Amino acid sequence: MTSRKNVTQKLVLAALMAALTAICSQILIPLPLVPINLALFAVHLTGALLGAQYGALSIIVYVLLGAAGAPVFAGFQSGPAALFGSTGGYILGYVLCAFLVGLLSRRLGMRFGGLCLSMAVGVVVCYAFGTLWFMYVSGMNLVSSLSYCVLPFLPGDVVKILLAALLTLRLQKPLRALGFAR
């Protein structure tokens, strides 16, 4: 049974990770249709550190903040127009990504290879959801959508995965020492 203190600690960390996701969303390189940003780095870290349930909850908080008007999405965007616009599928895909990273990292083990594989699966699911959404909203075909929404991002996502896996491994022990046991 989870103690009330443990739940409170996880909720605090979930709120901090939602804030980190908002900050990382603003670190971006603008591109014509979809900007490159560091949001997925934070999403990977969130899922790996908090697990499936609290990782997804953290990203849901981030999404709800943006939907309510807080400028947390890339380029300080917010509101339903941003959430349901051409990149909204990726934003919603962050929830699935965090959930999968949390679930798979626990099953595959909290080792570098398992974390990287968990995060790669999370990216694939996020991209699939986001690209299908982008195709629906924009009317573009699959090949065009992939050229705008996936291919330019792959090299950066490899770096984000590697760094998020390394940082997860480095943060596990200090977080456990503070009582943030996963």
Protein backbone atom coordinates (compact mmCIF):
# COMPACT_ATOMS: atom_id res chain seq x y z
CA MET A 1 0.00 0.00 0.00
CA THR A 2 1.29 3.44 -0.89
CA SER A 3 1.63 5.85 2.00
CA ARG A 4 0.05 9.29 1.96
CA LYS A 5 3.56 10.84 2.23
CA ASN A 6 4.74 8.86 -0.81
CA VAL A 7 1.71 9.93 -2.86
CA THR A 8 2.25 13.56 -1.87
CA GLN A 9 5.91 13.33 -2.86
CA LYS A 10 5.00 11.83 -6.23
CA LEU A 11 2.42 14.54 -6.85
CA VAL A 12 4.98 17.23 -6.03
CA LEU A 13 7.47 15.66 -8.42
CA ALA A 14 4.73 15.34 -11.06
CA ALA A 15 4.02 19.08 -10.74
CA LEU A 16 7.73 19.86 -11.04
CA MET A 17 8.00 17.69 -14.14
CA ALA A 18 4.96 19.44 -15.68
CA ALA A 19 6.78 22.74 -15.10
CA LEU A 20 9.98 21.31 -16.63
CA THR A 21 7.98 20.22 -19.69
CA ALA A 22 6.59 23.74 -20.03
CA ILE A 23 10.10 25.21 -19.83
CA CYS A 24 11.56 22.70 -22.28
CA SER A 25 8.72 23.44 -24.71
CA GLN A 26 10.02 27.02 -25.01
CA ILE A 27 13.56 25.98 -25.94
CA LEU A 28 12.97 25.66 -29.65
CA ILE A 29 14.18 25.99 -33.20
CA PRO A 30 11.35 27.30 -35.38
CA LEU A 31 10.57 25.36 -38.56
CA PRO A 32 7.84 26.08 -41.13
CA LEU A 33 5.07 23.86 -39.70
CA VAL A 34 6.33 22.13 -36.56
CA PRO A 35 9.08 23.59 -34.34
CA ILE A 36 11.86 21.50 -32.84
CA ASN A 37 11.81 21.81 -29.05
CA LEU A 38 12.97 19.98 -25.95
CA ALA A 39 9.51 18.93 -24.73
CA LEU A 40 10.05 15.25 -25.55
CA PHE A 41 13.24 15.29 -23.48
CA ALA A 42 11.17 16.34 -20.46
CA VAL A 43 8.42 13.84 -21.32
CA HIS A 44 10.97 10.98 -21.44
CA LEU A 45 12.45 12.05 -18.14
CA THR A 46 9.00 12.35 -16.60
CA GLY A 47 7.92 8.86 -17.61
CA ALA A 48 11.19 7.26 -16.59
CA LEU A 49 11.41 8.96 -13.19
CA LEU A 50 7.75 8.87 -12.20
CA GLY A 51 6.51 5.68 -13.83
CA ALA A 52 3.46 5.21 -16.04
CA GLN A 53 0.73 6.53 -13.75
CA TYR A 54 2.38 9.63 -12.31
CA GLY A 55 4.33 10.31 -15.51
CA ALA A 56 1.12 10.43 -17.54
CA LEU A 57 -0.57 12.49 -14.80
CA SER A 58 2.24 15.03 -14.94
CA ILE A 59 1.90 15.48 -18.69
CA ILE A 60 -1.90 15.63 -18.40
CA VAL A 61 -1.40 18.55 -16.00
CA TYR A 62 0.86 20.20 -18.59
CA VAL A 63 -1.76 19.68 -21.33
CA LEU A 64 -4.59 20.97 -19.15
CA LEU A 65 -2.58 24.07 -18.19
CA GLY A 66 -2.06 24.81 -21.87
CA ALA A 67 -5.68 24.11 -22.75
CA ALA A 68 -6.79 26.50 -19.99
CA GLY A 69 -4.69 29.31 -21.44
CA ALA A 70 -1.32 29.09 -19.69
CA PRO A 71 1.34 29.69 -22.38
CA VAL A 72 3.13 26.36 -21.91
CA PHE A 73 3.11 24.96 -25.45
CA ALA A 74 5.97 25.64 -27.90
CA GLY A 75 6.40 29.32 -28.70
CA PHE A 76 4.29 30.30 -25.66
CA GLN A 77 1.15 29.02 -27.40
CA SER A 78 -1.91 28.02 -25.39
CA GLY A 79 -5.61 27.40 -25.54
CA PRO A 80 -7.84 25.08 -27.54
CA ALA A 81 -6.60 26.49 -30.86
CA ALA A 82 -3.06 25.33 -30.09
CA LEU A 83 -4.20 22.04 -28.62
CA PHE A 84 -6.45 21.19 -31.55
CA GLY A 85 -4.25 22.76 -34.24
CA SER A 86 -1.81 20.98 -36.51
CA THR A 87 0.65 20.13 -33.70
CA GLY A 88 -1.97 19.23 -31.10
CA GLY A 89 -1.64 15.53 -31.80
CA TYR A 90 1.97 15.64 -30.70
CA ILE A 91 1.03 17.46 -27.51
CA LEU A 92 -1.59 14.82 -26.71
CA GLY A 93 0.91 12.16 -27.80
CA TYR A 94 3.18 13.32 -24.97
CA VAL A 95 0.74 11.74 -22.50
CA LEU A 96 0.97 8.38 -24.27
CA CYS A 97 4.74 8.72 -24.52
CA ALA A 98 5.19 9.38 -20.79
CA PHE A 99 2.88 6.50 -19.93
CA LEU A 100 4.71 4.06 -22.21
CA VAL A 101 8.17 5.18 -21.09
CA GLY A 102 7.12 4.67 -17.47
CA LEU A 103 5.54 1.29 -18.15
CA LEU A 104 8.27 -0.10 -20.38
CA SER A 105 11.22 1.22 -18.38
CA ARG A 106 9.93 -0.62 -15.34
CA ARG A 107 9.42 -3.85 -17.32
CA LEU A 108 12.71 -3.63 -19.23
CA GLY A 109 14.67 -2.50 -16.22
CA MET A 110 16.06 0.83 -15.23
CA ARG A 111 19.28 0.35 -17.16
CA PHE A 112 20.58 2.51 -19.98
CA GLY A 113 19.55 0.14 -22.78
CA GLY A 114 16.08 -0.48 -21.35
CA LEU A 115 15.52 3.23 -20.85
CA CYS A 116 16.62 4.05 -24.40
CA LEU A 117 14.36 1.36 -25.85
CA SER A 118 11.41 2.54 -23.72
CA MET A 119 11.95 6.12 -24.87
CA ALA A 120 12.29 5.09 -28.52
CA VAL A 121 8.95 3.27 -28.34
CA GLY A 122 7.43 6.35 -26.72
CA VAL A 123 8.68 8.55 -29.57
CA VAL A 124 7.27 6.19 -32.19
CA VAL A 125 3.84 6.24 -30.56
CA CYS A 126 3.92 10.02 -30.09
CA TYR A 127 4.95 10.50 -33.72
CA ALA A 128 2.29 8.10 -34.99
CA PHE A 129 -0.46 9.86 -33.06
CA GLY A 130 0.83 13.35 -33.89
CA THR A 131 1.43 12.64 -37.58
CA LEU A 132 -2.04 11.15 -38.07
CA TRP A 133 -3.51 14.20 -36.36
CA PHE A 134 -1.36 16.52 -38.49
CA MET A 135 -2.51 14.74 -41.67
CA TYR A 136 -6.15 15.13 -40.66
CA VAL A 137 -5.83 18.83 -39.78
CA SER A 138 -3.54 19.84 -42.65
CA GLY A 139 -4.89 17.58 -45.39
CA MET A 140 -1.34 16.53 -46.33
CA ASN A 141 -0.51 12.99 -47.37
CA LEU A 142 1.67 10.63 -45.33
CA VAL A 143 4.92 11.25 -47.22
CA SER A 144 4.62 15.04 -46.97
CA SER A 145 3.62 14.84 -43.32
CA LEU A 146 6.59 12.62 -42.47
CA SER A 147 8.94 15.02 -44.24
CA TYR A 148 7.65 17.93 -42.15
CA CYS A 149 6.85 16.23 -38.86
CA VAL A 150 9.19 13.29 -38.35
CA LEU A 151 12.34 13.18 -40.47
CA PRO A 152 13.82 16.55 -39.38
CA PHE A 153 13.36 15.58 -35.73
CA LEU A 154 14.97 12.13 -35.66
CA PRO A 155 18.61 13.18 -35.08
CA GLY A 156 17.60 15.48 -32.22
CA ASP A 157 15.36 12.82 -30.73
CA VAL A 158 18.25 10.37 -30.61
CA VAL A 159 20.22 12.95 -28.60
CA LYS A 160 17.20 13.67 -26.35
CA ILE A 161 16.76 9.95 -25.64
CA LEU A 162 20.42 9.43 -24.81
CA LEU A 163 20.54 12.45 -22.51
CA ALA A 164 17.22 11.64 -20.83
CA ALA A 165 18.35 8.04 -20.17
CA LEU A 166 21.66 9.23 -18.72
CA LEU A 167 19.99 11.86 -16.55
CA THR A 168 17.41 9.35 -15.34
CA LEU A 169 20.19 7.05 -14.18
CA ARG A 170 21.97 9.95 -12.45
CA LEU A 171 18.82 11.19 -10.69
CA GLN A 172 17.53 7.85 -9.39
CA LYS A 173 19.78 7.66 -6.33
CA PRO A 174 19.37 11.29 -5.17
CA LEU A 175 15.60 11.08 -5.65
CA ARG A 176 15.44 7.86 -3.62
CA ALA A 177 17.51 9.55 -0.90
CA LEU A 178 14.91 12.35 -0.78
CA GLY A 179 12.11 9.80 -0.51
CA PHE A 180 10.93 9.96 -4.13
CA ALA A 181 10.93 6.20 -4.60
CA ARG A 182 9.44 4.97 -7.85
